[in-house]
Amino acid sequence: MHDNKHDRRQRILIIDDNPTNITAVGMSLSRDYEIIVATSGVQAFDTINKQLPDLILLDVVMPGMDGLQICKRIKADEKSAQIPVIFITAHDDEEKVVDCFSVGAVDYIRKPLCEVELVARISTHLTLQRQIDELAKQNQALEKLAQELKTESAERKKADAKVNTLVRHEAQKWDGSNLIGRSPAMLALHDDINRLQQIDKTSVLVLGESGSGKELVARAIHFGGPRSKKPFIAVNCSAIPRELADATFFGNVKGAFTGAVSDRKGHFVEADGGTLFLDEIGDMPLELQAKLLRVLEDGVVTPVGGNQSKKVDVRVVCATNVNIHQKVSQQQFRQDLYFRLASYVVNVPALRDRQEDIALLVTHFIQLFSQEMGQAPVSINDEAMQILTAHHFPGNVRELKNLIEFALIRSNQQIITPAQLQIMQFQDAEVNLQQSGKTLEHTPSFVTRRKDEDVILAYLNSHDQITNMECQKLIDVNHDRASYLLRKLHKEGKISKQGQRRWSYYCLSNHPET
């Protein structure tokens, strides 16, 4: 017999051969729960087959089949294995308690029973089980969506399979979270990756903000293409000292300069046959840019201090989070090198531009960190999810990942609420941008946003008041998010509310409207 647990009160099965115990426990719980009773193991199994309970209270000492044997059989049955079992025992023997847990119990309560403790423990385990059930349903829904996406077309299926294979292949060293998403922007990115995996030599320029996953895109292109069995060499151009740049890229012979105690291959030779990933290419010194252009054009490198050149076959993938076109126009980056590197440009979307992926990423990170922490995944309430969806995420997926990790630790295995979200601070530059009517999209470089509350307070420092509508425009959020922030600041005593309903507005608490 199957029933829908959401259409009825939660059901507790009491298994005890003592009618007095059954009556006492039943009276304590009957107001909040549906109570069913069994006085033996045989009767218990028959009852479970007919009416699947949500939780079982089981006496340890029983005639015939004792509580430990009954629990072991309950856990061996696939249908009842997930039902939480709480033992009721008069034993203080530590070994007996250990036996209870070894057969699958989630808790135990000692006799004589304390009603408050009994009710509290039952409520806690029912809540945990409900959260686990809800997460399982969410996982099923996500799997269904993923399956629908894969069947949209044969080409899409082929591209996704390659990206997913790469992510699994690199999972131990590189977080594939940045490639998770079903937004149009992410589907377009998967298409770009698939196209570039089919091509062997084309240079690629990957543009995107910090934390958006530029290196992961470069790795996807390499490991999904014909060069996958050859080296992938990643270089951060901004971290290379100018005086060592030539030797770092092109190698050197022993004694070529002070400190050159041995021959060195250089990154181009190391990447021969594979891919050289040049991160932060916009920070490369001009004198090195000319030498890089020469190598890209003729494929020949000569080590510092040497006279023998070497032909190399290297695919170059570059990335930057600066406005490279502005660098070219200001003659800080060679135009001819730009055109040599940017044979194909890939734009990695910022997280704020694919908000429909946030919920998917949140679920992914909750599962990821819960597994790492060895605990059951928790859920996140609607208000917290609305805050995340409304946030601009200057740190992109990396910032979201850190937020969820912090929230999961702080939630103490409870539902994640706004109280557990630690939104990162903004820089003062963003306040100036907002007050001048500019937005991030109008600026050539990417600035870190300050906390929304600080933006509102900064605005009120130079303005007499702010309404909900003005707040929405100021920090680019919806009505609900603006209302939440204004109520929060009001509750904290930082601002005061004036007027009622649609005519209400807020002032700084130390500058009330008179």
Protein backbone atom coordinates (compact mmCIF):
# COMPACT_ATOMS: atom_id res chain seq x y z
CA MET A 1 0.00 0.00 0.00
CA HIS A 2 1.42 3.38 -1.01
CA ASP A 3 0.33 6.78 0.23
CA ASN A 4 1.43 10.35 -0.24
CA LYS A 5 3.16 11.52 2.94
CA HIS A 6 2.51 15.16 1.98
CA ASP A 7 -1.27 14.60 2.12
CA ARG A 8 -1.32 13.27 5.73
CA ARG A 9 0.15 13.81 9.16
CA GLN A 10 3.58 12.28 9.71
CA ARG A 11 3.27 8.69 10.92
CA ILE A 12 5.22 7.15 13.82
CA LEU A 13 5.35 3.40 14.46
CA ILE A 14 5.85 2.35 18.11
CA ILE A 15 7.21 -1.20 18.48
CA ASP A 16 7.00 -2.30 22.13
CA ASP A 17 5.56 -5.34 23.93
CA ASN A 18 4.62 -3.26 27.00
CA PRO A 19 1.10 -1.70 26.72
CA THR A 20 1.93 0.82 29.46
CA ASN A 21 4.91 2.15 27.50
CA ILE A 22 2.86 2.30 24.30
CA THR A 23 0.10 4.28 26.01
CA ALA A 24 2.53 6.76 27.61
CA VAL A 25 4.45 7.40 24.39
CA GLY A 26 1.31 7.49 22.25
CA MET A 27 -0.35 10.12 24.47
CA SER A 28 2.75 12.32 24.25
CA LEU A 29 2.83 12.21 20.45
CA SER A 30 -0.76 11.72 19.25
CA ARG A 31 -1.53 15.43 19.12
CA ASP A 32 1.11 16.09 16.44
CA TYR A 33 1.53 12.72 14.74
CA GLU A 34 -0.44 9.73 13.50
CA ILE A 35 0.47 6.82 15.81
CA ILE A 36 0.52 3.14 14.78
CA VAL A 37 1.51 0.28 17.09
CA ALA A 38 3.12 -3.17 16.92
CA THR A 39 3.85 -5.44 19.91
CA SER A 40 6.21 -7.87 18.16
CA GLY A 41 8.62 -8.09 15.26
CA VAL A 42 6.22 -10.10 13.10
CA GLN A 43 3.43 -7.58 13.65
CA ALA A 44 5.86 -4.71 12.98
CA PHE A 45 6.89 -6.07 9.57
CA ASP A 46 3.26 -6.61 8.60
CA THR A 47 2.38 -3.06 9.68
CA ILE A 48 5.30 -1.56 7.73
CA ASN A 49 4.19 -3.37 4.57
CA LYS A 50 0.70 -1.89 4.92
CA GLN A 51 1.45 1.58 6.30
CA LEU A 52 4.96 2.86 5.72
CA PRO A 53 5.88 5.03 8.75
CA ASP A 54 8.01 8.19 8.70
CA LEU A 55 9.85 7.24 11.91
CA ILE A 56 10.07 4.18 14.18
CA LEU A 57 10.37 4.09 17.99
CA LEU A 58 11.73 0.65 18.91
CA ASP A 59 12.16 -0.98 22.33
CA VAL A 60 15.43 -2.89 22.72
CA VAL A 61 14.32 -5.68 25.06
CA MET A 62 11.43 -7.71 23.60
CA PRO A 63 10.49 -11.41 23.80
CA GLY A 64 11.29 -13.57 20.80
CA MET A 65 12.91 -11.24 18.26
CA ASP A 66 14.60 -8.37 20.14
CA GLY A 67 14.89 -4.76 18.99
CA LEU A 68 18.35 -5.16 17.47
CA GLN A 69 17.18 -8.05 15.27
CA ILE A 70 14.05 -6.15 14.25
CA CYS A 71 16.06 -3.04 13.31
CA LYS A 72 18.55 -5.09 11.30
CA ARG A 73 15.71 -6.62 9.26
CA ILE A 74 14.04 -3.22 8.73
CA LYS A 75 17.30 -1.80 7.36
CA ALA A 76 17.82 -4.82 5.11
CA ASP A 77 14.51 -4.16 3.32
CA GLU A 78 14.93 -1.60 0.51
CA LYS A 79 11.42 -0.24 1.11
CA SER A 80 12.03 0.59 4.78
CA ALA A 81 15.81 1.07 4.84
CA GLN A 82 15.63 4.89 4.87
CA ILE A 83 13.15 5.15 7.77
CA PRO A 84 14.91 6.66 10.82
CA VAL A 85 14.86 4.31 13.84
CA ILE A 86 15.17 5.60 17.42
CA PHE A 87 15.77 2.98 20.13
CA ILE A 88 14.13 3.20 23.55
CA THR A 89 16.36 1.51 26.12
CA ALA A 90 16.77 1.19 29.85
CA HIS A 91 20.42 0.18 29.40
CA ASP A 92 23.27 2.49 30.35
CA ASP A 93 25.71 -0.08 29.00
CA GLU A 94 27.93 1.70 26.45
CA GLU A 95 28.40 -1.52 24.46
CA LYS A 96 24.64 -1.93 24.15
CA VAL A 97 24.30 1.62 22.88
CA VAL A 98 27.01 0.98 20.28
CA ASP A 99 25.09 -2.13 19.18
CA CYS A 100 22.02 0.08 18.56
CA PHE A 101 23.92 2.30 16.15
CA SER A 102 25.67 -0.63 14.47
CA VAL A 103 22.34 -2.04 13.24
CA GLY A 104 21.26 1.26 11.69
CA ALA A 105 19.60 3.37 14.41
CA VAL A 106 19.91 7.17 14.20
CA ASP A 107 19.42 7.83 17.91
CA TYR A 108 18.45 6.30 21.26
CA ILE A 109 16.50 7.54 24.31
CA ARG A 110 16.92 6.14 27.81
CA LYS A 111 14.04 5.18 30.07
CA PRO A 112 12.32 6.64 32.00
CA LEU A 113 11.28 8.82 29.07
CA CYS A 114 11.30 12.63 29.26
CA GLU A 115 8.43 13.89 27.08
CA VAL A 116 10.21 17.12 26.08
CA GLU A 117 13.34 15.23 25.02
CA LEU A 118 11.28 12.62 23.15
CA VAL A 119 9.34 15.23 21.16
CA ALA A 120 12.46 17.25 20.39
CA ARG A 121 14.48 14.29 19.10
CA ILE A 122 11.61 13.01 16.96
CA SER A 123 11.11 16.49 15.44
CA THR A 124 14.84 16.81 14.67
CA HIS A 125 15.10 13.45 12.86
CA LEU A 126 11.87 13.96 10.92
CA THR A 127 13.16 17.36 9.76
CA LEU A 128 16.49 15.87 8.65
CA GLN A 129 14.73 13.08 6.76
CA ARG A 130 12.40 15.54 5.05
CA GLN A 131 15.36 17.64 3.90
CA ILE A 132 17.08 14.54 2.51
CA ASP A 133 13.88 13.58 0.64
CA GLU A 134 13.54 17.10 -0.79
CA LEU A 135 17.14 17.10 -1.98
CA ALA A 136 16.65 13.73 -3.65
CA LYS A 137 13.67 15.16 -5.56
CA GLN A 138 15.72 18.19 -6.60
CA ASN A 139 18.46 15.89 -7.84
CA GLN A 140 15.92 13.92 -9.86
CA ALA A 141 14.59 17.16 -11.37
CA LEU A 142 18.09 18.31 -12.27
CA GLU A 143 18.88 14.94 -13.85
CA LYS A 144 15.68 15.19 -15.88
CA LEU A 145 16.60 18.69 -17.10
CA ALA A 146 20.09 17.52 -18.00
CA GLN A 147 18.65 14.62 -19.97
CA GLU A 148 16.26 16.91 -21.85
CA LEU A 149 19.15 19.21 -22.73
CA LYS A 150 21.22 16.34 -24.07
CA THR A 151 18.44 15.18 -26.37
CA GLU A 152 17.82 18.60 -28.00
CA SER A 153 20.01 17.70 -30.94
CA ALA A 154 22.72 15.26 -31.91
CA GLU A 155 25.31 18.02 -32.20
CA ARG A 156 24.49 19.44 -28.78
CA LYS A 157 24.70 15.95 -27.30
CA LYS A 158 28.10 15.45 -28.85
CA ALA A 159 29.42 18.80 -27.60
CA ASP A 160 28.12 18.30 -24.05
CA ALA A 161 29.62 14.83 -23.90
CA LYS A 162 33.05 16.23 -24.75
CA VAL A 163 32.82 19.02 -22.17
CA ASN A 164 31.55 16.64 -19.48
CA THR A 165 34.33 14.16 -20.26
CA LEU A 166 36.88 16.93 -19.85
CA VAL A 167 35.40 18.06 -16.55
CA ARG A 168 35.51 14.51 -15.16
CA HIS A 169 39.05 14.03 -16.48
CA GLU A 170 40.32 17.18 -14.75
CA ALA A 171 38.06 17.01 -11.68
CA GLN A 172 40.84 16.38 -9.17
CA LYS A 173 42.81 19.48 -10.15
CA TRP A 174 40.31 21.82 -11.76
CA ASP A 175 36.78 22.70 -10.65
CA GLY A 176 34.39 22.17 -13.57
CA SER A 177 31.66 24.26 -11.92
CA ASN A 178 32.24 27.20 -14.24
CA LEU A 179 31.00 25.10 -17.17
CA ILE A 180 27.75 24.17 -15.40
CA GLY A 181 24.70 25.93 -16.82
CA ARG A 182 21.84 25.75 -19.28
CA SER A 183 21.48 29.47 -20.00
CA PRO A 184 21.77 30.64 -23.63
CA ALA A 185 25.16 32.18 -22.82
CA MET A 186 26.53 28.89 -21.50
CA LEU A 187 25.11 26.89 -24.39
CA ALA A 188 26.82 29.33 -26.76
CA LEU A 189 30.08 28.88 -24.82
CA HIS A 190 29.78 25.08 -25.14
CA ASP A 191 29.29 25.55 -28.90
CA ASP A 192 32.46 27.67 -29.13
CA ILE A 193 34.44 25.07 -27.19
CA ASN A 194 33.15 22.29 -29.43
CA ARG A 195 34.12 24.18 -32.61
CA LEU A 196 37.61 24.93 -31.34
CA GLN A 197 38.15 21.32 -30.28
CA GLN A 198 37.80 20.33 -33.93
CA ILE A 199 40.56 22.75 -34.99
CA ASP A 200 44.24 22.09 -34.32
CA LYS A 201 46.19 25.35 -34.71
CA THR A 202 43.89 28.40 -34.49
CA SER A 203 44.98 30.85 -31.79
CA VAL A 204 42.26 31.72 -29.29
CA LEU A 205 41.70 34.79 -27.09
CA VAL A 206 39.45 34.14 -24.09
CA LEU A 207 37.86 37.25 -22.57
CA GLY A 208 36.06 37.34 -19.25
CA GLU A 209 36.07 38.64 -15.71
CA SER A 210 38.15 37.19 -12.92
CA GLY A 211 36.59 34.01 -11.54
CA SER A 212 34.49 33.30 -14.63
CA GLY A 213 36.48 30.26 -15.75
CA LYS A 214 38.83 31.38 -18.53
CA GLU A 215 41.51 28.80 -17.80
CA LEU A 216 38.93 26.03 -17.63
CA VAL A 217 37.77 27.03 -21.14
CA ALA A 218 41.37 26.84 -22.35
CA ARG A 219 41.77 23.39 -20.79
CA ALA A 220 38.50 22.25 -22.36
CA ILE A 221 39.74 23.30 -25.79
CA HIS A 222 43.03 21.46 -25.26
CA PHE A 223 41.85 18.24 -23.60
CA GLY A 224 38.89 17.83 -25.95
CA GLY A 225 40.95 18.33 -29.09
CA PRO A 226 43.67 16.54 -31.07
CA ARG A 227 46.43 17.89 -28.79
CA SER A 228 44.97 16.32 -25.63
CA LYS A 229 47.81 13.79 -25.21
CA LYS A 230 50.45 16.51 -25.44
CA PRO A 231 51.41 19.06 -22.73
CA PHE A 232 49.16 21.87 -21.52
CA ILE A 233 51.41 24.61 -20.11
CA ALA A 234 49.74 27.45 -18.19
CA VAL A 235 51.65 30.70 -17.65
CA ASN A 236 50.57 33.79 -15.69
CA CYS A 237 52.15 36.63 -17.64
CA SER A 238 51.73 39.14 -14.81
CA ALA A 239 53.77 36.98 -12.43
CA ILE A 240 56.94 36.73 -14.57
CA PRO A 241 59.78 39.14 -13.66
CA ARG A 242 60.78 41.30 -16.66
CA GLU A 243 64.44 40.31 -16.41
CA LEU A 244 63.54 36.61 -16.63
CA ALA A 245 60.77 36.84 -19.24
CA ASP A 246 62.91 35.86 -22.26
CA ALA A 247 64.42 32.84 -20.50
CA THR A 248 61.06 31.83 -19.11
CA PHE A 249 59.41 31.69 -22.53
CA PHE A 250 62.28 30.80 -24.87
CA GLY A 251 64.75 29.04 -22.56
CA ASN A 252 68.44 29.70 -21.88
CA VAL A 253 71.78 27.95 -21.99
CA LYS A 254 73.98 27.45 -18.98
CA GLY A 255 75.95 30.59 -18.10
CA ALA A 256 73.84 32.91 -20.28
CA PHE A 257 73.38 35.26 -17.32
CA THR A 258 73.99 35.37 -13.60
CA GLY A 259 72.04 32.56 -12.01
CA ALA A 260 71.76 30.46 -15.19
CA VAL A 261 73.38 27.38 -13.65
CA SER A 262 71.93 24.97 -16.18
CA ASP A 263 70.20 24.78 -19.56
CA ARG A 264 66.49 25.60 -19.49
CA LYS A 265 63.93 24.62 -22.10
CA GLY A 266 61.44 27.47 -21.79
CA HIS A 267 57.65 27.29 -21.99
CA PHE A 268 57.41 27.11 -25.80
CA VAL A 269 59.62 24.01 -25.94
CA GLU A 270 57.82 22.51 -22.94
CA ALA A 271 54.48 22.95 -24.76
CA ASP A 272 55.76 21.57 -28.09
CA GLY A 273 52.94 19.58 -29.73
CA GLY A 274 50.44 20.85 -27.17
CA THR A 275 48.94 24.09 -25.91
CA LEU A 276 50.52 27.14 -24.27
CA PHE A 277 47.98 29.04 -22.17
CA LEU A 278 49.01 32.66 -21.57
CA ASP A 279 46.87 34.07 -18.76
CA GLU A 280 46.74 37.85 -18.12
CA ILE A 281 48.22 38.46 -21.60
CA GLY A 282 47.32 42.15 -21.30
CA ASP A 283 50.05 42.57 -18.66
CA MET A 284 52.87 41.34 -20.91
CA PRO A 285 55.70 43.93 -21.33
CA LEU A 286 55.93 45.56 -24.76
CA GLU A 287 59.51 44.37 -25.38
CA LEU A 288 58.42 40.76 -24.84
CA GLN A 289 55.36 41.21 -27.09
CA ALA A 290 57.59 41.77 -30.14
CA LYS A 291 59.54 38.56 -29.47
CA LEU A 292 56.34 36.62 -28.89
CA LEU A 293 54.96 37.85 -32.23
CA ARG A 294 58.09 36.64 -34.02
CA VAL A 295 57.81 33.16 -32.51
CA LEU A 296 54.11 32.94 -33.37
CA GLU A 297 54.81 33.86 -36.99
CA ASP A 298 57.74 31.54 -37.72
CA GLY A 299 57.41 28.90 -34.96
CA VAL A 300 61.10 29.08 -34.08
CA VAL A 301 62.62 29.77 -30.64
CA THR A 302 66.22 30.55 -29.75
CA PRO A 303 67.30 30.21 -26.11
CA VAL A 304 68.96 33.15 -24.37
CA GLY A 305 72.73 32.84 -24.84
CA GLY A 306 72.37 30.15 -27.48
CA ASN A 307 72.82 30.08 -31.25
CA GLN A 308 70.83 26.99 -32.15
CA SER A 309 67.13 27.52 -32.86
CA LYS A 310 64.38 24.97 -32.45
CA LYS A 311 61.16 24.61 -34.45
CA VAL A 312 58.11 24.21 -32.21
CA ASP A 313 54.48 23.33 -32.88
CA VAL A 314 52.44 25.13 -30.25
CA ARG A 315 48.82 26.23 -30.13
CA VAL A 316 48.51 29.46 -28.14
CA VAL A 317 45.39 30.22 -26.09
CA CYS A 318 45.41 33.57 -24.28
CA ALA A 319 43.15 35.09 -21.67
CA THR A 320 42.65 38.48 -20.06
CA ASN A 321 40.16 40.28 -17.84
CA VAL A 322 41.25 43.77 -18.90
CA ASN A 323 39.91 45.83 -21.80
CA ILE A 324 42.42 44.65 -24.38
CA HIS A 325 41.04 46.96 -27.08
CA GLN A 326 41.72 49.95 -24.86
CA LYS A 327 45.26 48.66 -24.28
CA VAL A 328 45.76 48.52 -28.04
CA SER A 329 44.38 52.03 -28.57
CA GLN A 330 46.67 53.37 -25.83
CA GLN A 331 49.64 51.60 -27.47
CA GLN A 332 50.19 49.45 -24.40
CA PHE A 333 49.57 46.30 -26.43
CA ARG A 334 50.75 45.70 -29.99
CA GLN A 335 47.95 45.72 -32.54
CA ASP A 336 49.68 43.17 -34.77
CA LEU A 337 50.11 40.79 -31.82
CA TYR A 338 46.46 41.21 -30.89
CA PHE A 339 45.32 40.16 -34.37
CA ARG A 340 47.75 37.23 -34.28
CA LEU A 341 46.39 36.01 -30.95
CA ALA A 342 42.71 36.76 -31.54
CA SER A 343 42.08 34.48 -34.54
CA TYR A 344 39.00 33.38 -32.58
CA VAL A 345 37.60 35.25 -29.58
CA VAL A 346 35.66 33.44 -26.86
CA ASN A 347 33.64 35.48 -24.39
CA VAL A 348 33.07 33.79 -21.03
CA PRO A 349 29.85 35.21 -19.55
CA ALA A 350 29.84 36.83 -16.14
CA LEU A 351 27.58 35.12 -13.62
CA ARG A 352 25.38 38.20 -13.42
CA ASP A 353 24.63 37.72 -17.14
CA ARG A 354 23.35 34.17 -16.62
CA GLN A 355 21.29 34.45 -13.46
CA GLU A 356 19.16 31.45 -14.47
CA ASP A 357 22.21 29.26 -13.78
CA ILE A 358 22.62 30.42 -10.17
CA ALA A 359 20.11 27.97 -8.65
CA LEU A 360 21.77 25.10 -10.54
CA LEU A 361 25.20 26.15 -9.29
CA VAL A 362 23.94 26.58 -5.71
CA THR A 363 22.59 23.02 -5.69
CA HIS A 364 25.87 21.77 -7.17
CA PHE A 365 28.00 23.51 -4.55
CA ILE A 366 25.79 22.38 -1.65
CA GLN A 367 26.18 18.78 -2.82
CA LEU A 368 29.92 19.22 -3.45
CA PHE A 369 30.75 20.70 -0.05
CA SER A 370 28.33 18.47 1.87
CA GLN A 371 30.12 15.46 0.43
CA GLU A 372 33.52 16.93 1.31
CA MET A 373 32.33 17.68 4.86
CA GLY A 374 30.79 14.24 5.30
CA GLN A 375 27.30 15.53 6.05
CA ALA A 376 23.84 15.35 4.51
CA PRO A 377 23.07 18.15 2.02
CA VAL A 378 20.82 20.93 3.26
CA SER A 379 18.33 23.12 1.42
CA ILE A 380 18.30 26.90 0.96
CA ASN A 381 15.19 29.00 1.58
CA ASP A 382 13.53 31.22 -1.01
CA GLU A 383 14.66 34.51 0.53
CA ALA A 384 18.32 33.47 0.51
CA MET A 385 18.01 32.26 -3.08
CA GLN A 386 16.43 35.60 -4.09
CA ILE A 387 19.38 37.45 -2.55
CA LEU A 388 21.86 35.32 -4.49
CA THR A 389 19.91 35.75 -7.72
CA ALA A 390 19.83 39.53 -7.26
CA HIS A 391 23.54 39.83 -6.39
CA HIS A 392 25.93 41.04 -9.13
CA PHE A 393 28.73 38.59 -8.27
CA PRO A 394 31.83 40.62 -9.14
CA GLY A 395 33.82 37.49 -8.27
CA ASN A 396 31.62 35.34 -10.51
CA VAL A 397 31.36 31.58 -9.93
CA ARG A 398 34.40 31.64 -7.65
CA GLU A 399 32.59 34.11 -5.38
CA LEU A 400 29.39 32.03 -5.38
CA LYS A 401 31.38 28.92 -4.51
CA ASN A 402 32.99 30.68 -1.53
CA LEU A 403 29.61 32.05 -0.39
CA ILE A 404 28.01 28.61 -0.36
CA GLU A 405 30.97 27.01 1.42
CA PHE A 406 30.80 29.68 4.15
CA ALA A 407 26.99 29.44 4.43
CA LEU A 408 27.08 25.64 4.67
CA ILE A 409 29.57 25.74 7.54
CA ARG A 410 27.71 28.54 9.31
CA SER A 411 24.27 26.91 8.92
CA ASN A 412 25.30 24.00 11.18
CA GLN A 413 23.45 21.52 8.93
CA GLN A 414 20.23 23.57 8.99
CA ILE A 415 18.41 25.28 6.11
CA ILE A 416 20.53 28.10 4.64
CA THR A 417 18.92 31.50 5.24
CA PRO A 418 20.03 35.10 4.49
CA ALA A 419 21.75 35.17 7.89
CA GLN A 420 24.35 32.69 6.64
CA LEU A 421 25.19 34.60 3.45
CA GLN A 422 28.31 36.73 3.70
CA ILE A 423 28.19 38.97 0.63
CA MET A 424 31.65 40.36 -0.14
CA GLN A 425 32.45 44.05 0.33
CA PHE A 426 32.49 46.63 -2.47
CA GLN A 427 35.20 49.15 -3.21
CA ASP A 428 34.41 52.86 -2.90
CA ALA A 429 34.88 53.20 -6.66
CA GLU A 430 31.60 51.41 -7.20
CA VAL A 431 29.71 53.93 -5.06
CA ASN A 432 31.05 56.73 -7.23
CA LEU A 433 30.01 54.85 -10.35
CA GLN A 434 26.49 54.32 -9.05
CA GLN A 435 26.06 57.94 -7.95
CA SER A 436 27.27 59.19 -11.32
CA GLY A 437 24.72 57.02 -13.12
CA LYS A 438 27.31 54.69 -14.61
CA THR A 439 27.31 50.91 -14.43
CA LEU A 440 29.94 48.20 -14.61
CA GLU A 441 29.25 47.72 -18.31
CA HIS A 442 30.34 51.31 -19.04
CA THR A 443 33.77 50.89 -17.51
CA PRO A 444 36.80 49.45 -19.32
CA SER A 445 37.98 47.38 -16.35
CA PHE A 446 36.16 45.27 -13.83
CA VAL A 447 35.79 46.76 -10.35
CA THR A 448 34.82 44.95 -7.16
CA ARG A 449 31.39 45.93 -5.87
CA ARG A 450 30.79 46.93 -2.27
CA LYS A 451 28.11 45.42 -0.10
CA ASP A 452 24.62 46.60 -1.14
CA GLU A 453 23.91 48.02 2.31
CA ASP A 454 27.05 50.19 2.11
CA VAL A 455 25.96 51.55 -1.28
CA ILE A 456 22.60 52.59 0.19
CA LEU A 457 24.21 54.24 3.22
CA ALA A 458 26.74 56.03 1.03
CA TYR A 459 23.90 57.35 -1.12
CA LEU A 460 22.06 58.63 1.97
CA ASN A 461 25.22 60.42 3.12
CA SER A 462 24.94 62.69 0.09
CA HIS A 463 21.13 62.65 -0.33
CA ASP A 464 18.39 63.43 2.15
CA GLN A 465 16.30 60.33 1.54
CA ILE A 466 15.74 57.22 -0.55
CA THR A 467 12.59 55.39 -1.71
CA ASN A 468 12.21 51.76 -2.67
CA MET A 469 12.15 52.72 -6.36
CA GLU A 470 15.33 54.78 -6.00
CA CYS A 471 16.97 51.90 -4.15
CA GLN A 472 16.09 49.49 -6.98
CA LYS A 473 17.73 51.78 -9.55
CA LEU A 474 20.75 52.51 -7.33
CA ILE A 475 21.89 48.90 -6.89
CA ASP A 476 20.02 47.38 -9.86
CA VAL A 477 17.79 44.95 -7.95
CA ASN A 478 14.09 44.06 -7.92
CA HIS A 479 11.42 45.38 -5.52
CA ASP A 480 11.66 42.44 -3.09
CA ARG A 481 15.45 42.70 -2.75
CA ALA A 482 15.26 46.48 -2.20
CA SER A 483 12.53 46.02 0.44
CA TYR A 484 14.61 43.39 2.23
CA LEU A 485 17.71 45.62 2.37
CA LEU A 486 15.80 48.70 3.56
CA ARG A 487 13.99 46.68 6.25
CA LYS A 488 17.32 45.17 7.35
CA LEU A 489 19.00 48.57 7.70
CA HIS A 490 15.93 49.93 9.50
CA LYS A 491 15.91 47.00 11.93
CA GLU A 492 19.63 47.54 12.61
CA GLY A 493 18.88 51.18 13.50
CA LYS A 494 21.01 52.61 10.69
CA ILE A 495 18.11 54.26 8.85
CA SER A 496 14.68 55.53 9.88
CA LYS A 497 11.42 55.10 8.00
CA GLN A 498 9.17 58.03 7.16
CA GLY A 499 5.63 57.94 5.72
CA GLN A 500 3.43 54.92 4.99
CA ARG A 501 3.02 52.37 2.18
CA ARG A 502 3.69 53.78 -1.29
CA TRP A 503 4.64 57.20 0.15
CA SER A 504 7.26 55.80 2.54
CA TYR A 505 10.95 56.72 2.30
CA TYR A 506 14.05 56.29 4.45
CA CYS A 507 16.62 58.65 5.99
CA LEU A 508 19.81 58.13 7.96
CA SER A 509 18.95 57.59 11.62
CA ASN A 510 21.24 60.40 12.73
CA HIS A 511 19.63 62.76 10.18
CA PRO A 512 15.88 62.21 10.63
CA GLU A 513 13.53 64.21 8.50
CA THR A 514 11.93 67.03 10.46
